[in-house]
N, C-alpha and C. Protein backbone atom coordinates (compact mmCIF):
# COMPACT_ATOMS: atom_id res chain seq x y z
N MET A 1 0.78 -1.21 0.44
CA MET A 1 -0.22 -0.17 -0.27
C MET A 1 1.15 0.94 0.59
N ASP A 2 2.31 1.06 0.18
CA ASP A 2 2.82 2.20 0.76
C ASP A 2 3.30 2.64 -0.85
N LEU A 3 3.77 1.96 -1.79
CA LEU A 3 3.96 2.15 -3.01
C LEU A 3 2.69 3.06 -3.74
N TYR A 4 1.57 2.30 -3.46
CA TYR A 4 0.48 3.29 -4.11
C TYR A 4 0.62 5.24 -3.32
N ILE A 5 0.43 5.30 -2.23
CA ILE A 5 0.43 6.96 -1.78
C ILE A 5 1.48 7.39 -2.53
N ALA A 6 2.56 7.36 -2.27
CA ALA A 6 3.57 7.95 -2.51
C ALA A 6 3.66 9.20 -3.82
N PRO A 7 3.63 7.67 -5.23
CA PRO A 7 3.01 8.63 -6.46
C PRO A 7 1.52 9.54 -6.10
N VAL A 8 0.56 9.04 -5.91
CA VAL A 8 -0.85 9.56 -5.68
C VAL A 8 -0.62 10.97 -5.08
N ASN A 9 0.27 10.73 -3.83
CA ASN A 9 0.98 12.21 -3.26
C ASN A 9 1.04 13.12 -4.32
N GLY A 10 2.52 12.65 -4.95
CA GLY A 10 3.12 13.39 -5.71
C GLY A 10 2.11 13.91 -7.00
N VAL A 11 1.68 12.80 -7.26
CA VAL A 11 0.53 13.40 -8.78
C VAL A 11 -0.45 14.77 -8.14
N VAL A 12 -0.65 14.20 -7.08
CA VAL A 12 -1.79 15.38 -6.47
C VAL A 12 -0.90 16.84 -6.22
N PHE A 13 -0.06 17.13 -5.74
CA PHE A 13 1.08 17.64 -5.45
C PHE A 13 1.00 18.82 -7.47
N ALA A 14 1.46 17.81 -8.25
CA ALA A 14 2.09 18.28 -9.06
C ALA A 14 0.89 18.73 -9.88
N VAL A 15 -0.55 18.94 -10.12
CA VAL A 15 -1.91 19.15 -10.02
C VAL A 15 -2.07 20.32 -9.39
N ALA A 16 -2.06 20.39 -8.53
CA ALA A 16 -2.11 21.61 -7.69
C ALA A 16 -1.20 22.56 -8.01
N CYS A 17 -0.17 22.26 -8.01
CA CYS A 17 0.70 23.62 -8.69
C CYS A 17 0.71 23.78 -10.03
N LEU A 18 0.42 22.81 -10.78
CA LEU A 18 -0.16 23.27 -11.99
C LEU A 18 -1.59 24.50 -12.21
N VAL A 19 -2.60 23.77 -11.22
CA VAL A 19 -3.64 24.75 -10.91
C VAL A 19 -3.20 26.33 -10.54
N GLY A 20 -2.42 26.03 -9.82
CA GLY A 20 -1.69 27.47 -9.26
C GLY A 20 -1.27 28.33 -10.26
N PHE A 21 -0.51 27.91 -11.29
CA PHE A 21 0.38 28.33 -12.05
C PHE A 21 -0.91 28.63 -13.29
N VAL A 22 -1.77 28.00 -13.60
CA VAL A 22 -2.91 28.55 -14.26
C VAL A 22 -3.37 30.01 -14.37
N VAL A 23 -3.72 29.54 -12.44
CA VAL A 23 -4.54 30.76 -11.86
C VAL A 23 -3.93 32.15 -11.93
N PHE A 24 -2.38 32.11 -11.74
CA PHE A 24 -1.35 33.51 -11.94
C PHE A 24 -1.59 33.82 -13.05
N GLN A 25 -1.44 32.63 -14.20
CA GLN A 25 -0.98 33.28 -15.72
C GLN A 25 -2.12 34.21 -16.01
N ARG A 26 -3.09 33.66 -15.09
CA ARG A 26 -4.50 34.12 -16.05
C ARG A 26 -5.13 34.85 -15.28
N SER A 27 -4.30 35.72 -13.84
CA SER A 27 -4.55 36.78 -13.11
C SER A 27 -3.53 38.04 -13.58
N LYS A 28 -3.21 37.54 -14.21
CA LYS A 28 -1.95 38.56 -14.79
C LYS A 28 -2.68 40.30 -16.02
N GLY A 29 -4.37 39.70 -16.40
CA GLY A 29 -4.76 41.00 -17.16
C GLY A 29 -6.02 41.40 -16.72
N GLY A 30 -6.22 40.99 -14.97
CA GLY A 30 -7.21 41.57 -14.21
C GLY A 30 -8.73 40.76 -14.43
N GLN A 31 -8.15 39.03 -15.01
CA GLN A 31 -9.16 38.58 -15.39
C GLN A 31 -9.76 37.87 -13.86
N SER A 32 -9.00 38.72 -12.19
CA SER A 32 -9.37 38.19 -10.88
C SER A 32 -10.43 38.87 -10.02
N GLY A 33 -11.03 39.55 -11.28
CA GLY A 33 -12.12 40.75 -10.15
C GLY A 33 -11.74 41.49 -9.92
N HIS A 34 -10.10 42.06 -10.45
CA HIS A 34 -9.49 43.18 -9.42
C HIS A 34 -9.96 44.17 -11.30
N PRO A 35 -9.93 45.19 -10.86
CA PRO A 35 -9.76 46.31 -11.83
C PRO A 35 -8.12 46.49 -12.62
N HIS A 36 -7.47 45.94 -12.30
CA HIS A 36 -6.06 46.23 -12.77
C HIS A 36 -4.69 45.69 -11.45
N VAL A 37 -4.32 44.31 -11.98
CA VAL A 37 -3.33 43.60 -10.81
C VAL A 37 -1.97 44.16 -11.16
N GLY A 38 -2.02 44.13 -12.75
CA GLY A 38 -0.26 45.01 -12.86
C GLY A 38 0.36 43.81 -13.72
N PRO A 39 1.23 43.85 -14.06
CA PRO A 39 1.71 43.07 -15.17
C PRO A 39 2.39 41.87 -14.73
N HIS A 40 2.23 41.57 -13.38
CA HIS A 40 2.28 40.26 -12.20
C HIS A 40 0.97 39.29 -12.49
N GLY A 41 1.16 38.25 -11.62
CA GLY A 41 -0.08 37.84 -11.40
C GLY A 41 0.00 37.99 -10.15
N ASP A 42 -1.44 37.60 -9.60
CA ASP A 42 -1.69 37.78 -8.30
C ASP A 42 -0.96 36.31 -7.01
N LEU A 43 -0.35 36.65 -6.42
CA LEU A 43 0.67 34.95 -6.72
C LEU A 43 -0.09 34.99 -5.14
N ALA A 44 -1.54 35.88 -4.00
CA ALA A 44 -2.26 35.23 -2.95
C ALA A 44 -3.36 34.40 -3.71
N LEU A 45 -3.53 35.24 -4.95
CA LEU A 45 -4.86 34.23 -5.58
C LEU A 45 -3.95 32.72 -6.19
N ALA A 46 -3.37 32.26 -5.97
CA ALA A 46 -2.65 31.22 -6.80
C ALA A 46 -1.90 29.94 -5.58
N ILE A 47 -1.83 30.78 -4.54
CA ILE A 47 -1.39 30.03 -3.37
C ILE A 47 -2.58 29.42 -3.08
N ALA A 48 -3.68 30.70 -2.73
CA ALA A 48 -5.10 29.88 -2.20
C ALA A 48 -5.30 28.73 -2.98
N SER A 49 -5.15 28.71 -4.62
CA SER A 49 -6.12 28.30 -5.34
C SER A 49 -5.10 26.62 -5.69
N ILE A 50 -3.35 26.66 -5.05
CA ILE A 50 -2.73 25.54 -4.90
C ILE A 50 -3.46 24.87 -3.38
N ALA A 51 -4.13 25.66 -1.81
CA ALA A 51 -4.14 24.63 -1.04
C ALA A 51 -5.64 24.10 -1.14
N ALA A 52 -6.58 25.05 -1.92
CA ALA A 52 -7.82 24.09 -1.79
C ALA A 52 -7.56 23.03 -3.32
N SER A 53 -6.73 22.87 -4.15
CA SER A 53 -6.51 21.80 -4.77
C SER A 53 -6.09 20.98 -4.15
N ILE A 54 -5.51 20.97 -3.41
CA ILE A 54 -4.88 19.61 -2.64
C ILE A 54 -5.77 19.72 -1.89
N VAL A 55 -6.48 19.95 -0.91
CA VAL A 55 -7.71 19.42 -0.12
C VAL A 55 -8.43 18.73 -1.19
N ALA A 56 -9.14 19.88 -2.04
CA ALA A 56 -10.24 18.58 -3.11
C ALA A 56 -9.92 17.26 -3.15
N LEU A 57 -8.80 17.46 -4.08
CA LEU A 57 -7.86 15.74 -4.39
C LEU A 57 -7.52 15.27 -3.21
N ALA A 58 -7.42 15.94 -2.43
CA ALA A 58 -7.13 14.65 -1.06
C ALA A 58 -8.29 14.26 -0.60
N PHE A 59 -9.62 14.61 -0.83
CA PHE A 59 -10.83 14.39 -0.24
C PHE A 59 -11.44 13.22 -1.40
N LEU A 60 -11.14 13.70 -3.02
CA LEU A 60 -11.90 12.88 -3.90
C LEU A 60 -11.08 11.73 -3.77
N LEU A 61 -9.16 11.17 -3.96
CA LEU A 61 -9.39 10.45 -3.54
C LEU A 61 -8.73 9.90 -2.72
N GLY A 62 -9.40 10.04 -1.71
CA GLY A 62 -8.95 9.29 -0.34
C GLY A 62 -7.75 9.04 0.26
N LEU A 63 -6.74 10.31 0.39
CA LEU A 63 -5.52 9.76 0.75
C LEU A 63 -5.75 9.61 1.78
N PRO A 64 -4.91 8.89 2.90
CA PRO A 64 -4.96 8.68 4.02
C PRO A 64 -3.96 9.96 4.68
N GLY A 65 -4.03 9.81 6.09
CA GLY A 65 -3.23 10.85 6.53
C GLY A 65 -1.66 10.59 7.04
N THR A 66 -0.87 11.10 7.46
CA THR A 66 0.97 10.71 7.38
C THR A 66 0.75 9.86 8.80
N GLY A 67 -0.22 9.32 9.85
CA GLY A 67 -0.01 8.68 11.18
C GLY A 67 -1.07 7.66 10.72
N SER A 68 -2.05 7.36 10.16
CA SER A 68 -2.37 5.96 9.54
C SER A 68 -1.86 4.93 9.20
N THR A 69 -2.43 3.47 9.92
CA THR A 69 -2.05 2.32 9.16
C THR A 69 -3.12 1.12 9.07
N PRO A 70 -3.09 0.58 8.21
CA PRO A 70 -3.97 -0.39 7.71
C PRO A 70 -4.91 -0.90 8.69
N ASP A 71 -3.91 -1.03 10.42
CA ASP A 71 -4.38 -1.85 11.87
C ASP A 71 -4.65 -1.13 12.54
N GLU A 72 -5.06 0.28 12.00
CA GLU A 72 -5.31 1.31 12.93
C GLU A 72 -6.08 0.81 14.09
N GLY A 73 -7.46 0.18 13.49
CA GLY A 73 -8.72 -0.03 14.21
C GLY A 73 -8.63 -1.12 14.77
N VAL A 74 -7.68 -1.90 14.87
CA VAL A 74 -7.37 -2.95 16.47
C VAL A 74 -6.29 -2.92 17.04
N ARG A 75 -6.76 -2.58 18.22
CA ARG A 75 -6.39 -2.57 19.17
C ARG A 75 -6.63 -3.66 20.68
N PRO A 76 -5.59 -3.67 21.29
CA PRO A 76 -6.39 -4.75 22.73
C PRO A 76 -7.09 -3.45 23.66
N ALA A 77 -7.96 -4.25 24.38
CA ALA A 77 -8.71 -3.40 25.27
C ALA A 77 -7.85 -2.90 26.24
N PRO A 78 -8.16 -1.64 26.70
CA PRO A 78 -6.66 -1.52 28.14
C PRO A 78 -7.10 -2.07 28.83
N ALA A 79 -6.37 -2.19 30.22
CA ALA A 79 -6.00 -2.54 31.48
C ALA A 79 -7.04 -2.35 32.45
N SER A 80 -7.77 -2.74 32.79
CA SER A 80 -8.43 -1.45 34.29
C SER A 80 -7.11 -0.60 35.04
N THR A 81 -7.72 0.10 35.29
CA THR A 81 -6.96 0.94 36.22
C THR A 81 -7.40 0.60 38.04
N LEU A 82 -8.72 0.13 37.60
CA LEU A 82 -9.20 -0.23 39.51
C LEU A 82 -8.55 -1.17 40.14
N SER A 83 -7.99 -1.43 41.52
CA SER A 83 -7.93 -2.31 41.60
C SER A 83 -8.39 -3.54 42.55
N SER A 84 -8.65 -4.62 42.29
CA SER A 84 -9.58 -5.52 43.64
C SER A 84 -9.01 -5.21 45.21
N THR A 85 -7.97 -4.80 45.17
CA THR A 85 -7.74 -4.58 47.04
C THR A 85 -8.47 -3.38 47.24
N MET A 86 -8.65 -2.08 46.32
CA MET A 86 -8.84 -0.97 46.74
C MET A 86 -10.47 -0.84 47.34
N ALA A 87 -10.58 -0.73 48.66
CA ALA A 87 -12.19 -0.18 49.08
C ALA A 87 -12.37 0.97 48.69
N PRO A 88 -14.36 0.82 48.18
CA PRO A 88 -14.69 1.47 47.58
C PRO A 88 -15.09 2.94 48.89
């Protein structure tokens, strides 16, 4: 399963960066709703679109968290903290 996770994470990051680049390029001509952004694109809008793309793709593809393991749900029951020698 680890062989599947690493390439998918890389693809998600690459697609998100591509989306951010396209948004940055499209915002150069004032297409982002601002009257005039200038000769440079809107960097904050590009970074926000990268973050939104990563979150959306992670939800769509069901990427696991960094600390999850396949057998995370199987755990032994905790030992009882009350001793039989204690009086109530």
